[in-house]
Amino acid sequence: MALVKLSVAGFSLMIAKLWMPLLSLDWYWYALIFALAAIKPMAKALGK
């Protein structure tokens, strides 16, 4: 599982490096993306 996380992080950094407009977003867009991506896993973890 750790290798999957590492590969996703590497892929994300590669996309950010290749597509510069992605890095020009304001900080709150990244926070919004994080919050939306974390809703389902957090709900599943807290539901147990």
C-alpha atoms as a PDB file:
ATOM      1  CA  MET A   1       0.000   0.000   0.000  1.00  0.00           C
ATOM      2  CA  ALA A   2       2.867   2.360   0.755  1.00  0.00           C
ATOM      3  CA  LEU A   3       4.283   1.886  -2.742  1.00  0.00           C
ATOM      4  CA  VAL A   4       0.910   2.826  -4.247  1.00  0.00           C
ATOM      5  CA  LYS A   5       0.897   6.040  -2.222  1.00  0.00           C
ATOM      6  CA  LEU A   6       4.461   6.788  -3.266  1.00  0.00           C
ATOM      7  CA  SER A   7       3.671   6.201  -6.944  1.00  0.00           C
ATOM      8  CA  VAL A   8       0.608   8.477  -6.747  1.00  0.00           C
ATOM      9  CA  ALA A   9       2.699  11.200  -5.119  1.00  0.00           C
ATOM     10  CA  GLY A  10       5.336  10.854  -7.836  1.00  0.00           C
ATOM     11  CA  PHE A  11       2.715  10.967 -10.587  1.00  0.00           C
ATOM     12  CA  SER A  12       1.137  14.071  -9.027  1.00  0.00           C
ATOM     13  CA  LEU A  13       4.488  15.833  -8.903  1.00  0.00           C
ATOM     14  CA  MET A  14       5.145  14.891 -12.531  1.00  0.00           C
ATOM     15  CA  ILE A  15       1.779  16.328 -13.636  1.00  0.00           C
ATOM     16  CA  ALA A  16       2.444  19.518 -11.654  1.00  0.00           C
ATOM     17  CA  LYS A  17       5.885  19.836 -13.245  1.00  0.00           C
ATOM     18  CA  LEU A  18       4.576  19.297 -16.783  1.00  0.00           C
ATOM     19  CA  TRP A  19       1.485  21.519 -16.457  1.00  0.00           C
ATOM     20  CA  MET A  20       2.600  24.787 -14.840  1.00  0.00           C
ATOM     21  CA  PRO A  21      -0.879  26.436 -14.550  1.00  0.00           C
ATOM     22  CA  LEU A  22      -1.702  23.803 -11.934  1.00  0.00           C
ATOM     23  CA  LEU A  23       0.891  25.323  -9.600  1.00  0.00           C
ATOM     24  CA  SER A  24      -0.469  28.838 -10.046  1.00  0.00           C
ATOM     25  CA  LEU A  25      -3.736  28.146  -8.210  1.00  0.00           C
ATOM     26  CA  ASP A  26      -4.425  29.852  -4.890  1.00  0.00           C
ATOM     27  CA  TRP A  27      -3.956  27.779  -1.733  1.00  0.00           C
ATOM     28  CA  TYR A  28      -7.668  27.398  -1.033  1.00  0.00           C
ATOM     29  CA  TRP A  29      -8.212  25.464  -4.281  1.00  0.00           C
ATOM     30  CA  TYR A  30      -5.768  22.838  -3.069  1.00  0.00           C
ATOM     31  CA  ALA A  31      -7.550  22.760   0.301  1.00  0.00           C
ATOM     32  CA  LEU A  32     -10.905  22.294  -1.455  1.00  0.00           C
ATOM     33  CA  ILE A  33      -9.549  19.457  -3.607  1.00  0.00           C
ATOM     34  CA  PHE A  34      -8.077  17.810  -0.510  1.00  0.00           C
ATOM     35  CA  ALA A  35     -11.325  18.122   1.432  1.00  0.00           C
ATOM     36  CA  LEU A  36     -13.406  16.696  -1.408  1.00  0.00           C
ATOM     37  CA  ALA A  37     -11.001  13.797  -1.887  1.00  0.00           C
ATOM     38  CA  ALA A  38     -10.915  13.043   1.848  1.00  0.00           C
ATOM     39  CA  ILE A  39     -14.680  12.967   2.496  1.00  0.00           C
ATOM     40  CA  LYS A  40     -15.347   9.342   1.522  1.00  0.00           C
ATOM     41  CA  PRO A  41     -12.275   7.767   3.199  1.00  0.00           C
ATOM     42  CA  MET A  42     -12.856   9.771   6.399  1.00  0.00           C
ATOM     43  CA  ALA A  43     -16.554   8.847   6.477  1.00  0.00           C
ATOM     44  CA  LYS A  44     -15.650   5.192   6.041  1.00  0.00           C
ATOM     45  CA  ALA A  45     -12.958   5.330   8.727  1.00  0.00           C
ATOM     46  CA  LEU A  46     -15.128   7.157  11.245  1.00  0.00           C
ATOM     47  CA  GLY A  47     -18.153   5.003  10.507  1.00  0.00           C
ATOM     48  CA  LYS A  48     -16.557   1.835  11.870  1.00  0.00           C
END
